[in-house]
Amino acid sequence: MPKLGIVNRLGTINTIVRQEGFLVSDNADYGAIANCLDRFHNLKSAAVLGTGSLAQTVLHYLLRRNLAATMLTEGTKYNHSKSNENRKFLS
């Protein structure tokens, strides 16, 4: 049986592969985001443009690193931190 992982935490998929007779879903964006942002060791906060599935994936990554994040969309600003209501991303 395939393991459940980032897809369950995010609720979004962008890749499906057949593995050991099962269709397995994944979110390949999360790994790409981690590879890119892990280079910034002094990063303390970030702004995320938009609220779509890729923006949600970036937000999830930032919160797992205990970084403050601000989501900007159509003139509205949402501030997020690990300690507020967005803990659903960390389950």
PDB file of N, CA and C in Angstrom:
ATOM      1  N   MET A   1       0.842  -1.182   0.000  1.00  0.00           N
ATOM      2  CA  MET A   1       0.000   0.000   0.000  1.00  0.00           C
ATOM      3  C   MET A   1       0.886   1.244   0.000  1.00  0.00           C
ATOM      4  N   PRO A   2       0.598   2.246  -0.823  1.00  0.00           N
ATOM      5  CA  PRO A   2       1.417   3.452  -0.857  1.00  0.00           C
ATOM      6  C   PRO A   2       1.294   4.260   0.431  1.00  0.00           C
ATOM      7  N   LYS A   3       2.350   5.003   0.754  1.00  0.00           N
ATOM      8  CA  LYS A   3       2.337   5.862   1.929  1.00  0.00           C
ATOM      9  C   LYS A   3       1.606   7.159   1.600  1.00  0.00           C
ATOM     10  N   LEU A   4       0.927   7.702   2.598  1.00  0.00           N
ATOM     11  CA  LEU A   4       0.254   8.988   2.438  1.00  0.00           C
ATOM     12  C   LEU A   4       1.183  10.068   2.963  1.00  0.00           C
ATOM     13  N   GLY A   5       1.255  11.203   2.296  1.00  0.00           N
ATOM     14  CA  GLY A   5       2.202  12.218   2.708  1.00  0.00           C
ATOM     15  C   GLY A   5       1.721  13.619   2.464  1.00  0.00           C
ATOM     16  N   ILE A   6       2.516  14.360   1.710  1.00  0.00           N
ATOM     17  CA  ILE A   6       2.277  15.783   1.505  1.00  0.00           C
ATOM     18  C   ILE A   6       0.915  16.045   0.873  1.00  0.00           C
ATOM     19  N   VAL A   7       0.432  15.147   0.058  1.00  0.00           N
ATOM     20  CA  VAL A   7      -0.874  15.344  -0.587  1.00  0.00           C
ATOM     21  C   VAL A   7      -1.978  15.427   0.457  1.00  0.00           C
ATOM     22  N   ASN A   8      -1.928  14.583   1.476  1.00  0.00           N
ATOM     23  CA  ASN A   8      -2.940  14.642   2.531  1.00  0.00           C
ATOM     24  C   ASN A   8      -2.853  15.932   3.319  1.00  0.00           C
ATOM     25  N   ARG A   9      -1.647  16.417   3.558  1.00  0.00           N
ATOM     26  CA  ARG A   9      -1.491  17.654   4.316  1.00  0.00           C
ATOM     27  C   ARG A   9      -1.949  18.865   3.510  1.00  0.00           C
ATOM     28  N   LEU A  10      -1.665  18.885   2.209  1.00  0.00           N
ATOM     29  CA  LEU A  10      -2.011  20.029   1.370  1.00  0.00           C
ATOM     30  C   LEU A  10      -3.409  19.934   0.769  1.00  0.00           C
ATOM     31  N   GLY A  11      -3.816  18.736   0.432  1.00  0.00           N
ATOM     32  CA  GLY A  11      -5.096  18.555  -0.234  1.00  0.00           C
ATOM     33  C   GLY A  11      -5.050  18.852  -1.724  1.00  0.00           C
ATOM     34  N   THR A  12      -3.847  18.983  -2.291  1.00  0.00           N
ATOM     35  CA  THR A  12      -3.714  19.232  -3.726  1.00  0.00           C
ATOM     36  C   THR A  12      -2.716  18.263  -4.334  1.00  0.00           C
ATOM     37  N   ILE A  13      -2.993  17.849  -5.569  1.00  0.00           N
ATOM     38  CA  ILE A  13      -2.068  16.972  -6.289  1.00  0.00           C
ATOM     39  C   ILE A  13      -1.780  17.571  -7.658  1.00  0.00           C
ATOM     40  N   ASN A  14      -0.612  17.232  -8.205  1.00  0.00           N
ATOM     41  CA  ASN A  14      -0.305  17.634  -9.577  1.00  0.00           C
ATOM     42  C   ASN A  14       0.445  16.535 -10.322  1.00  0.00           C
ATOM     43  N   THR A  15       0.606  15.386  -9.685  1.00  0.00           N
ATOM     44  CA  THR A  15       1.307  14.266 -10.299  1.00  0.00           C
ATOM     45  C   THR A  15       0.644  12.965  -9.867  1.00  0.00           C
ATOM     46  N   ILE A  16       0.409  12.066 -10.827  1.00  0.00           N
ATOM     47  CA  ILE A  16      -0.112  10.736 -10.513  1.00  0.00           C
ATOM     48  C   ILE A  16       0.761   9.719 -11.239  1.00  0.00           C
ATOM     49  N   VAL A  17       1.259   8.725 -10.492  1.00  0.00           N
ATOM     50  CA  VAL A  17       2.082   7.671 -11.085  1.00  0.00           C
ATOM     51  C   VAL A  17       1.562   6.314 -10.619  1.00  0.00           C
ATOM     52  N   ARG A  18       1.862   5.278 -11.404  1.00  0.00           N
ATOM     53  CA  ARG A  18       1.521   3.915 -11.002  1.00  0.00           C
ATOM     54  C   ARG A  18       2.720   3.336 -10.276  1.00  0.00           C
ATOM     55  N   GLN A  19       2.478   2.847  -9.055  1.00  0.00           N
ATOM     56  CA  GLN A  19       3.560   2.312  -8.236  1.00  0.00           C
ATOM     57  C   GLN A  19       3.066   1.038  -7.551  1.00  0.00           C
ATOM     58  N   GLU A  20       3.714  -0.068  -7.841  1.00  0.00           N
ATOM     59  CA  GLU A  20       3.357  -1.365  -7.249  1.00  0.00           C
ATOM     60  C   GLU A  20       1.869  -1.678  -7.425  1.00  0.00           C
ATOM     61  N   GLY A  21       1.340  -1.349  -8.591  1.00  0.00           N
ATOM     62  CA  GLY A  21      -0.054  -1.651  -8.889  1.00  0.00           C
ATOM     63  C   GLY A  21      -1.057  -0.624  -8.397  1.00  0.00           C
ATOM     64  N   PHE A  22      -0.605   0.418  -7.733  1.00  0.00           N
ATOM     65  CA  PHE A  22      -1.485   1.469  -7.229  1.00  0.00           C
ATOM     66  C   PHE A  22      -1.235   2.765  -7.982  1.00  0.00           C
ATOM     67  N   LEU A  23      -2.270   3.582  -8.100  1.00  0.00           N
ATOM     68  CA  LEU A  23      -2.089   4.947  -8.574  1.00  0.00           C
ATOM     69  C   LEU A  23      -1.740   5.790  -7.356  1.00  0.00           C
ATOM     70  N   VAL A  24      -0.602   6.463  -7.422  1.00  0.00           N
ATOM     71  CA  VAL A  24      -0.104   7.242  -6.288  1.00  0.00           C
ATOM     72  C   VAL A  24      -0.069   8.710  -6.684  1.00  0.00           C
ATOM     73  N   SER A  25      -0.670   9.560  -5.858  1.00  0.00           N
ATOM     74  CA  SER A  25      -0.670  10.992  -6.134  1.00  0.00           C
ATOM     75  C   SER A  25       0.433  11.677  -5.342  1.00  0.00           C
ATOM     76  N   ASP A  26       0.893  12.793  -5.883  1.00  0.00           N
ATOM     77  CA  ASP A  26       1.962  13.551  -5.238  1.00  0.00           C
ATOM     78  C   ASP A  26       1.779  15.022  -5.572  1.00  0.00           C
ATOM     79  N   ASN A  27       2.469  15.866  -4.825  1.00  0.00           N
ATOM     80  CA  ASN A  27       2.532  17.284  -5.143  1.00  0.00           C
ATOM     81  C   ASN A  27       4.004  17.593  -5.385  1.00  0.00           C
ATOM     82  N   ALA A  28       4.417  17.556  -6.642  1.00  0.00           N
ATOM     83  CA  ALA A  28       5.823  17.755  -6.997  1.00  0.00           C
ATOM     84  C   ALA A  28       6.274  19.187  -6.733  1.00  0.00           C
ATOM     85  N   ASP A  29       5.330  20.122  -6.659  1.00  0.00           N
ATOM     86  CA  ASP A  29       5.694  21.514  -6.396  1.00  0.00           C
ATOM     87  C   ASP A  29       6.352  21.682  -5.029  1.00  0.00           C
ATOM     88  N   TYR A  30       5.896  20.927  -4.032  1.00  0.00           N
ATOM     89  CA  TYR A  30       6.428  21.094  -2.673  1.00  0.00           C
ATOM     90  C   TYR A  30       7.935  20.856  -2.642  1.00  0.00           C
ATOM     91  N   GLY A  31       8.399  19.797  -3.266  1.00  0.00           N
ATOM     92  CA  GLY A  31       9.835  19.513  -3.310  1.00  0.00           C
ATOM     93  C   GLY A  31      10.613  20.583  -4.044  1.00  0.00           C
ATOM     94  N   ALA A  32      10.045  21.081  -5.139  1.00  0.00           N
ATOM     95  CA  ALA A  32      10.708  22.142  -5.907  1.00  0.00           C
ATOM     96  C   ALA A  32      10.797  23.428  -5.085  1.00  0.00           C
ATOM     97  N   ILE A  33       9.729  23.750  -4.387  1.00  0.00           N
ATOM     98  CA  ILE A  33       9.722  24.940  -3.533  1.00  0.00           C
ATOM     99  C   ILE A  33      10.755  24.790  -2.420  1.00  0.00           C
ATOM    100  N   ALA A  34      10.785  23.633  -1.790  1.00  0.00           N
ATOM    101  CA  ALA A  34      11.756  23.390  -0.716  1.00  0.00           C
ATOM    102  C   ALA A  34      13.185  23.514  -1.245  1.00  0.00           C
ATOM    103  N   ASN A  35      13.475  22.918  -2.394  1.00  0.00           N
ATOM    104  CA  ASN A  35      14.825  23.006  -2.968  1.00  0.00           C
ATOM    105  C   ASN A  35      15.223  24.446  -3.243  1.00  0.00           C
ATOM    106  N   CYS A  36      14.294  25.243  -3.705  1.00  0.00           N
ATOM    107  CA  CYS A  36      14.583  26.642  -4.019  1.00  0.00           C
ATOM    108  C   CYS A  36      14.766  27.473  -2.748  1.00  0.00           C
ATOM    109  N   LEU A  37      13.810  27.401  -1.831  1.00  0.00           N
ATOM    110  CA  LEU A  37      13.835  28.272  -0.658  1.00  0.00           C
ATOM    111  C   LEU A  37      14.816  27.825   0.423  1.00  0.00           C
ATOM    112  N   ASP A  38      15.215  26.564   0.420  1.00  0.00           N
ATOM    113  CA  ASP A  38      16.195  26.096   1.405  1.00  0.00           C
ATOM    114  C   ASP A  38      17.539  26.795   1.242  1.00  0.00           C
ATOM    115  N   ARG A  39      17.771  27.409   0.117  1.00  0.00           N
ATOM    116  CA  ARG A  39      19.032  28.126  -0.122  1.00  0.00           C
ATOM    117  C   ARG A  39      19.130  29.415   0.682  1.00  0.00           C
ATOM    118  N   PHE A  40      17.978  29.922   1.127  1.00  0.00           N
ATOM    119  CA  PHE A  40      17.938  31.190   1.854  1.00  0.00           C
ATOM    120  C   PHE A  40      17.911  30.914   3.361  1.00  0.00           C
ATOM    121  N   HIS A  41      19.087  30.721   3.935  1.00  0.00           N
ATOM    122  CA  HIS A  41      19.193  30.332   5.343  1.00  0.00           C
ATOM    123  C   HIS A  41      18.770  31.440   6.295  1.00  0.00           C
ATOM    124  N   ASN A  42      18.859  32.698   5.883  1.00  0.00           N
ATOM    125  CA  ASN A  42      18.512  33.820   6.760  1.00  0.00           C
ATOM    126  C   ASN A  42      17.081  34.304   6.561  1.00  0.00           C
ATOM    127  N   LEU A  43      16.304  33.575   5.802  1.00  0.00           N
ATOM    128  CA  LEU A  43      14.927  33.967   5.515  1.00  0.00           C
ATOM    129  C   LEU A  43      14.098  33.940   6.800  1.00  0.00           C
ATOM    130  N   LYS A  44      13.425  35.049   7.097  1.00  0.00           N
ATOM    131  CA  LYS A  44      12.596  35.129   8.299  1.00  0.00           C
ATOM    132  C   LYS A  44      11.113  35.285   7.971  1.00  0.00           C
ATOM    133  N   SER A  45      10.834  35.847   6.799  1.00  0.00           N
ATOM    134  CA  SER A  45       9.445  36.022   6.384  1.00  0.00           C
ATOM    135  C   SER A  45       9.403  36.116   4.864  1.00  0.00           C
ATOM    136  N   ALA A  46       8.193  35.989   4.331  1.00  0.00           N
ATOM    137  CA  ALA A  46       8.041  36.035   2.877  1.00  0.00           C
ATOM    138  C   ALA A  46       6.640  36.508   2.524  1.00  0.00           C
ATOM    139  N   ALA A  47       6.518  37.079   1.343  1.00  0.00           N
ATOM    140  CA  ALA A  47       5.218  37.445   0.790  1.00  0.00           C
ATOM    141  C   ALA A  47       4.873  36.438  -0.301  1.00  0.00           C
ATOM    142  N   VAL A  48       3.657  35.965  -0.287  1.00  0.00           N
ATOM    143  CA  VAL A  48       3.177  35.002  -1.283  1.00  0.00           C
ATOM    144  C   VAL A  48       2.094  35.704  -2.090  1.00  0.00           C
ATOM    145  N   LEU A  49       2.270  35.739  -3.402  1.00  0.00           N
ATOM    146  CA  LEU A  49       1.291  36.398  -4.269  1.00  0.00           C
ATOM    147  C   LEU A  49       0.234  35.405  -4.717  1.00  0.00           C
ATOM    148  N   GLY A  50      -1.013  35.686  -4.403  1.00  0.00           N
ATOM    149  CA  GLY A  50      -2.112  34.815  -4.803  1.00  0.00           C
ATOM    150  C   GLY A  50      -2.523  33.868  -3.700  1.00  0.00           C
ATOM    151  N   THR A  51      -3.611  33.128  -3.963  1.00  0.00           N
ATOM    152  CA  THR A  51      -4.127  32.169  -2.980  1.00  0.00           C
ATOM    153  C   THR A  51      -4.462  30.822  -3.622  1.00  0.00           C
ATOM    154  N   GLY A  52      -3.957  30.594  -4.825  1.00  0.00           N
ATOM    155  CA  GLY A  52      -4.221  29.337  -5.522  1.00  0.00           C
ATOM    156  C   GLY A  52      -3.464  28.171  -4.903  1.00  0.00           C
ATOM    157  N   SER A  53      -3.512  27.027  -5.560  1.00  0.00           N
ATOM    158  CA  SER A  53      -2.908  25.825  -4.990  1.00  0.00           C
ATOM    159  C   SER A  53      -1.395  25.946  -4.850  1.00  0.00           C
ATOM    160  N   LEU A  54      -0.719  26.596  -5.787  1.00  0.00           N
ATOM    161  CA  LEU A  54       0.725  26.772  -5.640  1.00  0.00           C
ATOM    162  C   LEU A  54       1.037  27.713  -4.480  1.00  0.00           C
ATOM    163  N   ALA A  55       0.269  28.773  -4.331  1.00  0.00           N
ATOM    164  CA  ALA A  55       0.455  29.686  -3.205  1.00  0.00           C
ATOM    165  C   ALA A  55       0.222  28.964  -1.879  1.00  0.00           C
ATOM    166  N   GLN A  56      -0.779  28.092  -1.822  1.00  0.00           N
ATOM    167  CA  GLN A  56      -1.044  27.316  -0.604  1.00  0.00           C
ATOM    168  C   GLN A  56       0.118  26.376  -0.297  1.00  0.00           C
ATOM    169  N   THR A  57       0.725  25.816  -1.336  1.00  0.00           N
ATOM    170  CA  THR A  57       1.882  24.938  -1.148  1.00  0.00           C
ATOM    171  C   THR A  57       3.062  25.727  -0.594  1.00  0.00           C
ATOM    172  N   VAL A  58       3.299  26.925  -1.127  1.00  0.00           N
ATOM    173  CA  VAL A  58       4.377  27.782  -0.621  1.00  0.00           C
ATOM    174  C   VAL A  58       4.095  28.146   0.836  1.00  0.00           C
ATOM    175  N   LEU A  59       2.863  28.521   1.144  1.00  0.00           N
ATOM    176  CA  LEU A  59       2.496  28.867   2.515  1.00  0.00           C
ATOM    177  C   LEU A  59       2.756  27.695   3.458  1.00  0.00           C
ATOM    178  N   HIS A  60       2.360  26.509   3.054  1.00  0.00           N
ATOM    179  CA  HIS A  60       2.592  25.313   3.878  1.00  0.00           C
ATOM    180  C   HIS A  60       4.083  25.143   4.172  1.00  0.00           C
ATOM    181  N   TYR A  61       4.913  25.271   3.150  1.00  0.00           N
ATOM    182  CA  TYR A  61       6.356  25.136   3.328  1.00  0.00           C
ATOM    183  C   TYR A  61       6.887  26.195   4.305  1.00  0.00           C
ATOM    184  N   LEU A  62       6.480  27.448   4.128  1.00  0.00           N
ATOM    185  CA  LEU A  62       6.959  28.530   4.992  1.00  0.00           C
ATOM    186  C   LEU A  62       6.562  28.299   6.443  1.00  0.00           C
ATOM    187  N   LEU A  63       5.320  27.879   6.673  1.00  0.00           N
ATOM    188  CA  LEU A  63       4.858  27.647   8.035  1.00  0.00           C
ATOM    189  C   LEU A  63       5.570  26.467   8.686  1.00  0.00           C
ATOM    190  N   ARG A  64       5.885  25.443   7.899  1.00  0.00           N
ATOM    191  CA  ARG A  64       6.628  24.299   8.453  1.00  0.00           C
ATOM    192  C   ARG A  64       8.044  24.708   8.849  1.00  0.00           C
ATOM    193  N   ARG A  65       8.576  25.767   8.239  1.00  0.00           N
ATOM    194  CA  ARG A  65       9.892  26.301   8.606  1.00  0.00           C
ATOM    195  C   ARG A  65       9.780  27.384   9.675  1.00  0.00           C
ATOM    196  N   ASN A  66       8.595  27.575  10.231  1.00  0.00           N
ATOM    197  CA  ASN A  66       8.338  28.584  11.264  1.00  0.00           C
ATOM    198  C   ASN A  66       8.620  30.004  10.776  1.00  0.00           C
ATOM    199  N   LEU A  67       8.326  30.273   9.527  1.00  0.00           N
ATOM    200  CA  LEU A  67       8.528  31.599   8.950  1.00  0.00           C
ATOM    201  C   LEU A  67       7.187  32.329   8.855  1.00  0.00           C
ATOM    202  N   ALA A  68       7.216  33.625   9.056  1.00  0.00           N
ATOM    203  CA  ALA A  68       6.014  34.433   8.884  1.00  0.00           C
ATOM    204  C   ALA A  68       5.755  34.593   7.396  1.00  0.00           C
ATOM    205  N   ALA A  69       4.491  34.593   7.023  1.00  0.00           N
ATOM    206  CA  ALA A  69       4.140  34.718   5.606  1.00  0.00           C
ATOM    207  C   ALA A  69       2.981  35.686   5.462  1.00  0.00           C
ATOM    208  N   THR A  70       3.016  36.476   4.418  1.00  0.00           N
ATOM    209  CA  THR A  70       1.921  37.370   4.070  1.00  0.00           C
ATOM    210  C   THR A  70       1.445  36.975   2.685  1.00  0.00           C
ATOM    211  N   MET A  71       0.153  36.665   2.582  1.00  0.00           N
ATOM    212  CA  MET A  71      -0.435  36.343   1.284  1.00  0.00           C
ATOM    213  C   MET A  71      -1.090  37.598   0.744  1.00  0.00           C
ATOM    214  N   LEU A  72      -0.749  37.956  -0.470  1.00  0.00           N
ATOM    215  CA  LEU A  72      -1.300  39.153  -1.114  1.00  0.00           C
ATOM    216  C   LEU A  72      -2.179  38.736  -2.282  1.00  0.00           C
ATOM    217  N   THR A  73      -3.407  39.246  -2.303  1.00  0.00           N
ATOM    218  CA  THR A  73      -4.297  38.924  -3.393  1.00  0.00           C
ATOM    219  C   THR A  73      -5.320  40.032  -3.595  1.00  0.00           C
ATOM    220  N   GLU A  74      -5.445  40.507  -4.797  1.00  0.00           N
ATOM    221  CA  GLU A  74      -6.458  41.483  -5.192  1.00  0.00           C
ATOM    222  C   GLU A  74      -6.702  42.562  -4.144  1.00  0.00           C
ATOM    223  N   GLY A  75      -5.652  43.206  -3.685  1.00  0.00           N
ATOM    224  CA  GLY A  75      -5.780  44.307  -2.748  1.00  0.00           C
ATOM    225  C   GLY A  75      -5.980  43.901  -1.305  1.00  0.00           C
ATOM    226  N   THR A  76      -5.974  42.604  -0.995  1.00  0.00           N
ATOM    227  CA  THR A  76      -6.155  42.125   0.371  1.00  0.00           C
ATOM    228  C   THR A  76      -4.868  41.484   0.849  1.00  0.00           C
ATOM    229  N   LYS A  77      -4.557  41.685   2.115  1.00  0.00           N
ATOM    230  CA  LYS A  77      -3.343  41.117   2.692  1.00  0.00           C
ATOM    231  C   LYS A  77      -3.737  40.211   3.856  1.00  0.00           C
ATOM    232  N   TYR A  78      -3.204  38.983   3.879  1.00  0.00           N
ATOM    233  CA  TYR A  78      -3.441  38.040   4.954  1.00  0.00           C
ATOM    234  C   TYR A  78      -2.103  37.699   5.596  1.00  0.00           C
ATOM    235  N   ASN A  79      -1.988  37.923   6.897  1.00  0.00           N
ATOM    236  CA  ASN A  79      -0.764  37.567   7.605  1.00  0.00           C
ATOM    237  C   ASN A  79      -0.935  36.195   8.232  1.00  0.00           C
ATOM    238  N   HIS A  80       0.081  35.361   8.092  1.00  0.00           N
ATOM    239  CA  HIS A  80       0.033  34.003   8.613  1.00  0.00           C
ATOM    240  C   HIS A  80       1.266  33.739   9.459  1.00  0.00           C
ATOM    241  N   SER A  81       1.075  32.954  10.497  1.00  0.00           N
ATOM    242  CA  SER A  81       2.206  32.471  11.279  1.00  0.00           C
ATOM    243  C   SER A  81       1.843  31.093  11.804  1.00  0.00           C
ATOM    244  N   LYS A  82       2.825  30.370  12.266  1.00  0.00           N
ATOM    245  CA  LYS A  82       2.587  29.014  12.743  1.00  0.00           C
ATOM    246  C   LYS A  82       1.626  29.005  13.925  1.00  0.00           C
ATOM    247  N   SER A  83       1.569  30.087  14.673  1.00  0.00           N
ATOM    248  CA  SER A  83       0.771  30.100  15.886  1.00  0.00           C
ATOM    249  C   SER A  83      -0.698  30.466  15.669  1.00  0.00           C
ATOM    250  N   ASN A  84      -1.082  30.898  14.468  1.00  0.00           N
ATOM    251  CA  ASN A  84      -2.472  31.320  14.300  1.00  0.00           C
ATOM    252  C   ASN A  84      -3.342  30.212  13.713  1.00  0.00           C
ATOM    253  N   GLU A  85      -4.480  30.609  13.174  1.00  0.00           N
ATOM    254  CA  GLU A  85      -5.487  29.642  12.739  1.00  0.00           C
ATOM    255  C   GLU A  85      -5.038  28.762  11.578  1.00  0.00           C
ATOM    256  N   ASN A  86      -3.939  29.056  10.949  1.00  0.00           N
ATOM    257  CA  ASN A  86      -3.505  28.282   9.792  1.00  0.00           C
ATOM    258  C   ASN A  86      -2.729  27.033  10.167  1.00  0.00           C
ATOM    259  N   ARG A  87      -2.862  26.585  11.375  1.00  0.00           N
ATOM    260  CA  ARG A  87      -2.195  25.356  11.811  1.00  0.00           C
ATOM    261  C   ARG A  87      -2.693  24.138  11.034  1.00  0.00           C
ATOM    262  N   LYS A  88      -3.845  24.253  10.343  1.00  0.00           N
ATOM    263  CA  LYS A  88      -4.362  23.137   9.556  1.00  0.00           C
ATOM    264  C   LYS A  88      -3.328  22.660   8.539  1.00  0.00           C
ATOM    265  N   PHE A  89      -2.437  23.569   8.096  1.00  0.00           N
ATOM    266  CA  PHE A  89      -1.402  23.202   7.134  1.00  0.00           C
ATOM    267  C   PHE A  89      -0.326  22.330   7.768  1.00  0.00           C
ATOM    268  N   LEU A  90      -0.274  22.291   9.096  1.00  0.00           N
ATOM    269  CA  LEU A  90       0.823  21.601   9.782  1.00  0.00           C
ATOM    270  C   LEU A  90       0.422  20.252  10.340  1.00  0.00           C
ATOM    271  N   SER A  91      -0.797  19.825  10.132  1.00  0.00           N
ATOM    272  CA  SER A  91      -1.237  18.556  10.711  1.00  0.00           C
ATOM    273  C   SER A  91      -0.577  17.376  10.042  1.00  0.00           C
TER     274      SER A  91
END
